[in-house]
PDB file of N, CA and C in Angstrom:
ATOM      1  N   MET A   1     -94.200 -11.885  41.492  1.00  0.00           N
ATOM      2  CA  MET A   1     -94.811 -11.720  40.182  1.00  0.00           C
ATOM      3  C   MET A   1     -93.784 -12.094  39.122  1.00  0.00           C
ATOM      4  N   GLY A   2     -94.221 -12.861  38.167  1.00  0.00           N
ATOM      5  CA  GLY A   2     -93.331 -13.337  37.127  1.00  0.00           C
ATOM      6  C   GLY A   2     -93.041 -12.288  36.081  1.00  0.00           C
ATOM      7  N   ARG A   3     -92.213 -12.680  35.180  1.00  0.00           N
ATOM      8  CA  ARG A   3     -91.790 -11.776  34.111  1.00  0.00           C
ATOM      9  C   ARG A   3     -92.953 -11.374  33.201  1.00  0.00           C
ATOM     10  N   TYR A   4     -93.864 -12.288  32.948  1.00  0.00           N
ATOM     11  CA  TYR A   4     -94.989 -12.039  32.041  1.00  0.00           C
ATOM     12  C   TYR A   4     -96.304 -11.828  32.790  1.00  0.00           C
ATOM     13  N   GLY A   5     -96.247 -11.447  34.027  1.00  0.00           N
ATOM     14  CA  GLY A   5     -97.459 -11.238  34.805  1.00  0.00           C
ATOM     15  C   GLY A   5     -97.898 -12.520  35.479  1.00  0.00           C
ATOM     16  N   ASP A   6     -99.149 -12.618  35.741  1.00  0.00           N
ATOM     17  CA  ASP A   6     -99.705 -13.798  36.416  1.00  0.00           C
ATOM     18  C   ASP A   6    -100.440 -14.689  35.426  1.00  0.00           C
ATOM     19  N   ILE A   7     -99.706 -15.244  34.474  1.00  0.00           N
ATOM     20  CA  ILE A   7    -100.315 -16.126  33.475  1.00  0.00           C
ATOM     21  C   ILE A   7    -100.393 -17.538  34.056  1.00  0.00           C
ATOM     22  N   ASP A   8    -101.567 -18.133  33.972  1.00  0.00           N
ATOM     23  CA  ASP A   8    -101.754 -19.519  34.393  1.00  0.00           C
ATOM     24  C   ASP A   8    -101.454 -20.408  33.184  1.00  0.00           C
ATOM     25  N   TYR A   9    -100.199 -20.836  33.072  1.00  0.00           N
ATOM     26  CA  TYR A   9     -99.741 -21.552  31.883  1.00  0.00           C
ATOM     27  C   TYR A   9    -100.492 -22.845  31.597  1.00  0.00           C
ATOM     28  N   PRO A  10    -100.772 -23.686  32.579  1.00  0.00           N
ATOM     29  CA  PRO A  10    -101.519 -24.917  32.249  1.00  0.00           C
ATOM     30  C   PRO A  10    -102.904 -24.641  31.669  1.00  0.00           C
ATOM     31  N   THR A  11    -103.596 -23.640  32.198  1.00  0.00           N
ATOM     32  CA  THR A  11    -104.935 -23.310  31.688  1.00  0.00           C
ATOM     33  C   THR A  11    -104.862 -22.751  30.278  1.00  0.00           C
ATOM     34  N   VAL A  12    -103.921 -21.843  30.038  1.00  0.00           N
ATOM     35  CA  VAL A  12    -103.770 -21.258  28.709  1.00  0.00           C
ATOM     36  C   VAL A  12    -103.388 -22.339  27.701  1.00  0.00           C
ATOM     37  N   THR A  13    -102.535 -23.259  28.110  1.00  0.00           N
ATOM     38  CA  THR A  13    -102.114 -24.343  27.216  1.00  0.00           C
ATOM     39  C   THR A  13    -103.289 -25.240  26.853  1.00  0.00           C
ATOM     40  N   ARG A  14    -104.072 -25.640  27.849  1.00  0.00           N
ATOM     41  CA  ARG A  14    -105.224 -26.512  27.580  1.00  0.00           C
ATOM     42  C   ARG A  14    -106.263 -25.817  26.702  1.00  0.00           C
ATOM     43  N   ARG A  15    -106.563 -24.569  27.013  1.00  0.00           N
ATOM     44  CA  ARG A  15    -107.583 -23.852  26.231  1.00  0.00           C
ATOM     45  C   ARG A  15    -107.114 -23.566  24.813  1.00  0.00           C
ATOM     46  N   GLY A  16    -105.853 -23.235  24.641  1.00  0.00           N
ATOM     47  CA  GLY A  16    -105.322 -23.005  23.301  1.00  0.00           C
ATOM     48  C   GLY A  16    -105.326 -24.269  22.459  1.00  0.00           C
ATOM     49  N   PHE A  17    -104.938 -25.381  23.071  1.00  0.00           N
ATOM     50  CA  PHE A  17    -104.969 -26.653  22.353  1.00  0.00           C
ATOM     51  C   PHE A  17    -106.404 -27.039  21.998  1.00  0.00           C
ATOM     52  N   ALA A  18    -107.328 -26.852  22.934  1.00  0.00           N
ATOM     53  CA  ALA A  18    -108.735 -27.177  22.669  1.00  0.00           C
ATOM     54  C   ALA A  18    -109.299 -26.298  21.555  1.00  0.00           C
ATOM     55  N   LEU A  19    -108.929 -25.031  21.519  1.00  0.00           N
ATOM     56  CA  LEU A  19    -109.373 -24.149  20.447  1.00  0.00           C
ATOM     57  C   LEU A  19    -108.820 -24.610  19.107  1.00  0.00           C
ATOM     58  N   GLY A  20    -107.564 -25.029  19.086  1.00  0.00           N
ATOM     59  CA  GLY A  20    -106.980 -25.542  17.852  1.00  0.00           C
ATOM     60  C   GLY A  20    -107.689 -26.792  17.355  1.00  0.00           C
ATOM     61  N   VAL A  21    -107.994 -27.699  18.260  1.00  0.00           N
ATOM     62  CA  VAL A  21    -108.714 -28.929  17.880  1.00  0.00           C
ATOM     63  C   VAL A  21    -110.120 -28.582  17.385  1.00  0.00           C
ATOM     64  N   ALA A  22    -110.773 -27.653  18.055  1.00  0.00           N
ATOM     65  CA  ALA A  22    -112.128 -27.257  17.640  1.00  0.00           C
ATOM     66  C   ALA A  22    -112.115 -26.641  16.239  1.00  0.00           C
ATOM     67  N   LEU A  23    -111.141 -25.782  15.964  1.00  0.00           N
ATOM     68  CA  LEU A  23    -111.046 -25.189  14.625  1.00  0.00           C
ATOM     69  C   LEU A  23    -110.785 -26.262  13.571  1.00  0.00           C
ATOM     70  N   LEU A  24    -109.929 -27.208  13.880  1.00  0.00           N
ATOM     71  CA  LEU A  24    -109.640 -28.284  12.945  1.00  0.00           C
ATOM     72  C   LEU A  24    -110.885 -29.124  12.670  1.00  0.00           C
ATOM     73  N   VAL A  25    -111.616 -29.473  13.707  1.00  0.00           N
ATOM     74  CA  VAL A  25    -112.812 -30.305  13.542  1.00  0.00           C
ATOM     75  C   VAL A  25    -113.893 -29.564  12.747  1.00  0.00           C
ATOM     76  N   VAL A  26    -114.110 -28.295  13.060  1.00  0.00           N
ATOM     77  CA  VAL A  26    -115.124 -27.524  12.325  1.00  0.00           C
ATOM     78  C   VAL A  26    -114.719 -27.367  10.862  1.00  0.00           C
ATOM     79  N   GLY A  27    -113.429 -27.139  10.602  1.00  0.00           N
ATOM     80  CA  GLY A  27    -112.974 -27.032   9.219  1.00  0.00           C
ATOM     81  C   GLY A  27    -113.158 -28.323   8.442  1.00  0.00           C
ATOM     82  N   ILE A  28    -112.834 -29.440   9.066  1.00  0.00           N
ATOM     83  CA  ILE A  28    -112.996 -30.738   8.392  1.00  0.00           C
ATOM     84  C   ILE A  28    -114.475 -31.049   8.167  1.00  0.00           C
ATOM     85  N   LEU A  29    -115.293 -30.820   9.194  1.00  0.00           N
ATOM     86  CA  LEU A  29    -116.731 -31.075   9.026  1.00  0.00           C
ATOM     87  C   LEU A  29    -117.344 -30.164   7.971  1.00  0.00           C
ATOM     88  N   GLY A  30    -116.886 -28.935   7.892  1.00  0.00           N
ATOM     89  CA  GLY A  30    -117.379 -28.021   6.855  1.00  0.00           C
ATOM     90  C   GLY A  30    -117.021 -28.496   5.467  1.00  0.00           C
ATOM     91  N   HIS A  31    -115.805 -29.023   5.308  1.00  0.00           N
ATOM     92  CA  HIS A  31    -115.407 -29.546   4.007  1.00  0.00           C
ATOM     93  C   HIS A  31    -116.188 -30.797   3.624  1.00  0.00           C
ATOM     94  N   VAL A  32    -116.448 -31.639   4.611  1.00  0.00           N
ATOM     95  CA  VAL A  32    -117.098 -32.921   4.315  1.00  0.00           C
ATOM     96  C   VAL A  32    -118.621 -32.772   4.231  1.00  0.00           C
ATOM     97  N   LEU A  33    -119.218 -32.143   5.234  1.00  0.00           N
ATOM     98  CA  LEU A  33    -120.679 -32.081   5.308  1.00  0.00           C
ATOM     99  C   LEU A  33    -121.296 -30.894   4.580  1.00  0.00           C
ATOM    100  N   GLY A  34    -120.532 -29.853   4.351  1.00  0.00           N
ATOM    101  CA  GLY A  34    -121.081 -28.673   3.671  1.00  0.00           C
ATOM    102  C   GLY A  34    -121.652 -28.981   2.301  1.00  0.00           C
ATOM    103  N   PRO A  35    -120.873 -29.588   1.413  1.00  0.00           N
ATOM    104  CA  PRO A  35    -121.423 -29.914   0.089  1.00  0.00           C
ATOM    105  C   PRO A  35    -122.529 -30.959   0.130  1.00  0.00           C
ATOM    106  N   VAL A  36    -122.494 -31.856   1.109  1.00  0.00           N
ATOM    107  CA  VAL A  36    -123.537 -32.884   1.203  1.00  0.00           C
ATOM    108  C   VAL A  36    -124.868 -32.252   1.608  1.00  0.00           C
ATOM    109  N   LEU A  37    -124.822 -31.332   2.567  1.00  0.00           N
ATOM    110  CA  LEU A  37    -126.051 -30.739   3.077  1.00  0.00           C
ATOM    111  C   LEU A  37    -126.562 -29.568   2.240  1.00  0.00           C
ATOM    112  N   PHE A  38    -125.666 -28.758   1.706  1.00  0.00           N
ATOM    113  CA  PHE A  38    -126.078 -27.515   1.050  1.00  0.00           C
ATOM    114  C   PHE A  38    -125.728 -27.443  -0.427  1.00  0.00           C
ATOM    115  N   GLY A  39    -125.172 -28.484  -0.988  1.00  0.00           N
ATOM    116  CA  GLY A  39    -124.772 -28.447  -2.389  1.00  0.00           C
ATOM    117  C   GLY A  39    -123.395 -27.817  -2.518  1.00  0.00           C
ATOM    118  N   PRO A  40    -123.020 -27.450  -3.722  1.00  0.00           N
ATOM    119  CA  PRO A  40    -121.685 -26.874  -3.921  1.00  0.00           C
ATOM    120  C   PRO A  40    -121.523 -25.568  -3.123  1.00  0.00           C
ATOM    121  N   LEU A  41    -120.393 -25.471  -2.438  1.00  0.00           N
ATOM    122  CA  LEU A  41    -120.125 -24.292  -1.621  1.00  0.00           C
ATOM    123  C   LEU A  41    -119.414 -23.233  -2.447  1.00  0.00           C
ATOM    124  N   PRO A  42    -119.669 -21.968  -2.145  1.00  0.00           N
ATOM    125  CA  PRO A  42    -118.908 -20.911  -2.816  1.00  0.00           C
ATOM    126  C   PRO A  42    -117.422 -21.020  -2.461  1.00  0.00           C
ATOM    127  N   GLU A  43    -116.610 -20.452  -3.296  1.00  0.00           N
ATOM    128  CA  GLU A  43    -115.164 -20.562  -3.102  1.00  0.00           C
ATOM    129  C   GLU A  43    -114.701 -19.935  -1.795  1.00  0.00           C
ATOM    130  N   TRP A  44    -115.335 -18.839  -1.360  1.00  0.00           N
ATOM    131  CA  TRP A  44    -114.892 -18.188  -0.122  1.00  0.00           C
ATOM    132  C   TRP A  44    -115.163 -19.074   1.092  1.00  0.00           C
ATOM    133  N   GLU A  45    -116.228 -19.883   1.049  1.00  0.00           N
ATOM    134  CA  GLU A  45    -116.508 -20.792   2.163  1.00  0.00           C
ATOM    135  C   GLU A  45    -115.516 -21.946   2.189  1.00  0.00           C
ATOM    136  N   ARG A  46    -115.165 -22.456   1.031  1.00  0.00           N
ATOM    137  CA  ARG A  46    -114.163 -23.516   0.976  1.00  0.00           C
ATOM    138  C   ARG A  46    -112.823 -23.001   1.479  1.00  0.00           C
ATOM    139  N   THR A  47    -112.475 -21.761   1.115  1.00  0.00           N
ATOM    140  CA  THR A  47    -111.240 -21.153   1.601  1.00  0.00           C
ATOM    141  C   THR A  47    -111.290 -20.945   3.109  1.00  0.00           C
ATOM    142  N   LEU A  48    -112.427 -20.530   3.630  1.00  0.00           N
ATOM    143  CA  LEU A  48    -112.584 -20.336   5.067  1.00  0.00           C
ATOM    144  C   LEU A  48    -112.388 -21.648   5.818  1.00  0.00           C
ATOM    145  N   PHE A  49    -112.975 -22.734   5.339  1.00  0.00           N
ATOM    146  CA  PHE A  49    -112.813 -24.032   6.001  1.00  0.00           C
ATOM    147  C   PHE A  49    -111.366 -24.514   5.931  1.00  0.00           C
ATOM    148  N   LEU A  50    -110.706 -24.289   4.807  1.00  0.00           N
ATOM    149  CA  LEU A  50    -109.305 -24.674   4.689  1.00  0.00           C
ATOM    150  C   LEU A  50    -108.441 -23.858   5.645  1.00  0.00           C
ATOM    151  N   ASP A  51    -108.692 -22.568   5.733  1.00  0.00           N
ATOM    152  CA  ASP A  51    -107.945 -21.719   6.665  1.00  0.00           C
ATOM    153  C   ASP A  51    -108.187 -22.128   8.113  1.00  0.00           C
ATOM    154  N   MET A  52    -109.413 -22.528   8.433  1.00  0.00           N
ATOM    155  CA  MET A  52    -109.702 -23.004   9.785  1.00  0.00           C
ATOM    156  C   MET A  52    -108.907 -24.264  10.097  1.00  0.00           C
ATOM    157  N   GLU A  53    -108.766 -25.148   9.130  1.00  0.00           N
ATOM    158  CA  GLU A  53    -107.976 -26.360   9.349  1.00  0.00           C
ATOM    159  C   GLU A  53    -106.506 -26.025   9.571  1.00  0.00           C
ATOM    160  N   ILE A  54    -105.972 -25.134   8.762  1.00  0.00           N
ATOM    161  CA  ILE A  54    -104.556 -24.769   8.880  1.00  0.00           C
ATOM    162  C   ILE A  54    -104.284 -24.081  10.211  1.00  0.00           C
ATOM    163  N   VAL A  55    -105.115 -23.113  10.574  1.00  0.00           N
ATOM    164  CA  VAL A  55    -104.925 -22.397  11.839  1.00  0.00           C
ATOM    165  C   VAL A  55    -105.123 -23.343  13.021  1.00  0.00           C
ATOM    166  N   GLY A  56    -106.064 -24.269  12.911  1.00  0.00           N
ATOM    167  CA  GLY A  56    -106.291 -25.234  13.982  1.00  0.00           C
ATOM    168  C   GLY A  56    -105.082 -26.124  14.224  1.00  0.00           C
ATOM    169  N   VAL A  57    -104.462 -26.594  13.153  1.00  0.00           N
ATOM    170  CA  VAL A  57    -103.268 -27.436  13.302  1.00  0.00           C
ATOM    171  C   VAL A  57    -102.122 -26.629  13.905  1.00  0.00           C
ATOM    172  N   LEU A  58    -101.894 -25.425  13.382  1.00  0.00           N
ATOM    173  CA  LEU A  58    -100.807 -24.586  13.909  1.00  0.00           C
ATOM    174  C   LEU A  58    -101.031 -24.227  15.375  1.00  0.00           C
ATOM    175  N   LEU A  59    -102.253 -23.858  15.705  1.00  0.00           N
ATOM    176  CA  LEU A  59    -102.559 -23.501  17.090  1.00  0.00           C
ATOM    177  C   LEU A  59    -102.428 -24.706  18.007  1.00  0.00           C
ATOM    178  N   GLY A  60    -102.888 -25.850  17.558  1.00  0.00           N
ATOM    179  CA  GLY A  60    -102.787 -27.059  18.359  1.00  0.00           C
ATOM    180  C   GLY A  60    -101.355 -27.511  18.590  1.00  0.00           C
ATOM    181  N   LEU A  61    -100.469 -27.213  17.653  1.00  0.00           N
ATOM    182  CA  LEU A  61     -99.069 -27.595  17.810  1.00  0.00           C
ATOM    183  C   LEU A  61     -98.243 -26.544  18.548  1.00  0.00           C
ATOM    184  N   LEU A  62     -98.495 -25.270  18.268  1.00  0.00           N
ATOM    185  CA  LEU A  62     -97.649 -24.226  18.836  1.00  0.00           C
ATOM    186  C   LEU A  62     -98.034 -23.798  20.245  1.00  0.00           C
ATOM    187  N   THR A  63     -99.305 -23.881  20.609  1.00  0.00           N
ATOM    188  CA  THR A  63     -99.715 -23.455  21.946  1.00  0.00           C
ATOM    189  C   THR A  63     -99.051 -24.278  23.045  1.00  0.00           C
ATOM    190  N   PRO A  64     -99.041 -25.616  22.977  1.00  0.00           N
ATOM    191  CA  PRO A  64     -98.337 -26.359  24.032  1.00  0.00           C
ATOM    192  C   PRO A  64     -96.834 -26.083  24.038  1.00  0.00           C
ATOM    193  N   LEU A  65     -96.268 -25.879  22.862  1.00  0.00           N
ATOM    194  CA  LEU A  65     -94.842 -25.603  22.801  1.00  0.00           C
ATOM    195  C   LEU A  65     -94.508 -24.264  23.452  1.00  0.00           C
ATOM    196  N   VAL A  66     -95.269 -23.226  23.111  1.00  0.00           N
ATOM    197  CA  VAL A  66     -94.974 -21.889  23.622  1.00  0.00           C
ATOM    198  C   VAL A  66     -95.396 -21.731  25.078  1.00  0.00           C
ATOM    199  N   PHE A  67     -96.659 -22.030  25.389  1.00  0.00           N
ATOM    200  CA  PHE A  67     -97.168 -21.780  26.735  1.00  0.00           C
ATOM    201  C   PHE A  67     -96.915 -22.934  27.705  1.00  0.00           C
ATOM    202  N   GLY A  68     -96.597 -24.101  27.196  1.00  0.00           N
ATOM    203  CA  GLY A  68     -96.344 -25.226  28.071  1.00  0.00           C
ATOM    204  C   GLY A  68     -94.882 -25.479  28.348  1.00  0.00           C
ATOM    205  N   ILE A  69     -93.995 -25.035  27.423  1.00  0.00           N
ATOM    206  CA  ILE A  69     -92.573 -25.318  27.577  1.00  0.00           C
ATOM    207  C   ILE A  69     -91.735 -24.048  27.618  1.00  0.00           C
ATOM    208  N   VAL A  70     -91.815 -23.219  26.596  1.00  0.00           N
ATOM    209  CA  VAL A  70     -90.880 -22.098  26.451  1.00  0.00           C
ATOM    210  C   VAL A  70     -91.104 -21.009  27.498  1.00  0.00           C
ATOM    211  N   LEU A  71     -92.309 -20.477  27.592  1.00  0.00           N
ATOM    212  CA  LEU A  71     -92.538 -19.370  28.518  1.00  0.00           C
ATOM    213  C   LEU A  71     -92.352 -19.743  29.991  1.00  0.00           C
ATOM    214  N   PRO A  72     -92.797 -20.916  30.451  1.00  0.00           N
ATOM    215  CA  PRO A  72     -92.505 -21.249  31.851  1.00  0.00           C
ATOM    216  C   PRO A  72     -91.001 -21.368  32.131  1.00  0.00           C
ATOM    217  N   LEU A  73     -90.212 -21.788  31.158  1.00  0.00           N
ATOM    218  CA  LEU A  73     -88.772 -21.901  31.371  1.00  0.00           C
ATOM    219  C   LEU A  73     -88.077 -20.550  31.407  1.00  0.00           C
ATOM    220  N   THR A  74     -88.677 -19.526  30.805  1.00  0.00           N
ATOM    221  CA  THR A  74     -88.026 -18.215  30.777  1.00  0.00           C
ATOM    222  C   THR A  74     -88.338 -17.376  32.006  1.00  0.00           C
ATOM    223  N   GLU A  75     -89.213 -17.829  32.876  1.00  0.00           N
ATOM    224  CA  GLU A  75     -89.529 -17.039  34.070  1.00  0.00           C
ATOM    225  C   GLU A  75     -88.529 -17.293  35.161  1.00  0.00           C
TER     226      GLU A  75
END
Protein backbone atom coordinates (compact mmCIF):
# COMPACT_ATOMS: atom_id res chain seq x y z
CA MET A 1 0.00 0.00 0.00
CA GLY A 2 1.35 3.37 -0.98
CA ARG A 3 1.78 6.45 1.07
CA TYR A 4 -1.49 8.01 -0.13
CA GLY A 5 -3.56 4.84 -0.23
CA ASP A 6 -4.60 3.11 -3.41
CA ILE A 7 -4.97 6.10 -5.73
CA ASP A 8 -5.11 5.24 -9.43
CA TYR A 9 -3.04 8.19 -10.65
CA PRO A 10 -3.61 7.83 -14.42
CA THR A 11 -7.40 7.71 -13.96
CA VAL A 12 -7.46 10.66 -11.56
CA THR A 13 -5.22 12.64 -13.92
CA ARG A 14 -7.40 11.97 -16.97
CA ARG A 15 -10.66 12.71 -15.16
CA GLY A 16 -9.32 15.88 -13.56
CA PHE A 17 -8.03 17.17 -16.88
CA ALA A 18 -11.34 16.31 -18.57
CA LEU A 19 -13.25 18.15 -15.84
CA GLY A 20 -11.04 21.19 -16.33
CA VAL A 21 -11.62 21.17 -20.09
CA ALA A 22 -15.37 20.73 -19.58
CA LEU A 23 -15.51 23.70 -17.19
CA LEU A 24 -13.54 25.83 -19.64
CA VAL A 25 -15.79 24.91 -22.57
CA VAL A 26 -19.01 25.52 -20.64
CA GLY A 27 -17.70 28.87 -19.40
CA ILE A 28 -16.72 29.98 -22.90
CA LEU A 29 -20.00 28.80 -24.42
CA GLY A 30 -21.93 30.59 -21.67
CA HIS A 31 -20.11 33.82 -22.41
CA VAL A 32 -20.60 33.53 -26.15
CA LEU A 33 -24.04 31.92 -26.52
CA GLY A 34 -25.75 33.19 -23.37
CA PRO A 35 -26.31 36.76 -24.55
CA VAL A 36 -27.18 35.58 -28.07
CA LEU A 37 -29.86 33.16 -26.88
CA PHE A 38 -31.23 34.89 -23.78
CA GLY A 39 -30.33 38.56 -24.15
CA PRO A 40 -28.19 40.42 -21.64
CA LEU A 41 -27.12 38.19 -18.76
CA PRO A 42 -27.23 39.29 -15.14
CA GLU A 43 -23.88 40.13 -13.62
CA TRP A 44 -23.84 37.04 -11.36
CA GLU A 45 -24.15 34.75 -14.41
CA ARG A 46 -21.33 36.51 -16.21
CA THR A 47 -19.21 36.16 -13.07
CA LEU A 48 -20.11 32.47 -12.81
CA PHE A 49 -19.03 31.82 -16.42
CA LEU A 50 -15.78 33.71 -15.88
CA ASP A 51 -15.07 31.74 -12.70
CA MET A 52 -15.77 28.50 -14.56
CA GLU A 53 -13.20 29.47 -17.19
CA ILE A 54 -10.58 30.34 -14.58
CA VAL A 55 -11.13 27.18 -12.53
CA GLY A 56 -11.16 25.09 -15.72
CA VAL A 57 -7.78 26.41 -16.83
CA LEU A 58 -6.25 25.96 -13.36
CA LEU A 59 -7.66 22.47 -12.98
CA GLY A 60 -6.56 21.48 -16.46
CA LEU A 61 -3.02 22.64 -15.78
CA LEU A 62 -2.54 21.58 -12.16
CA THR A 63 -4.17 18.13 -12.17
CA PRO A 64 -1.62 16.53 -14.55
CA LEU A 65 1.20 18.23 -12.69
CA VAL A 66 0.08 17.10 -9.23
CA PHE A 67 -1.46 13.68 -9.91
CA GLY A 68 0.60 12.78 -12.95
CA ILE A 69 4.07 13.86 -11.83
CA VAL A 70 4.47 14.98 -8.21
CA LEU A 71 2.44 12.46 -6.21
CA PRO A 72 3.63 9.34 -8.07
CA LEU A 73 7.24 10.45 -7.50
CA THR A 74 6.70 10.85 -3.75
CA GLU A 75 5.51 7.28 -3.20
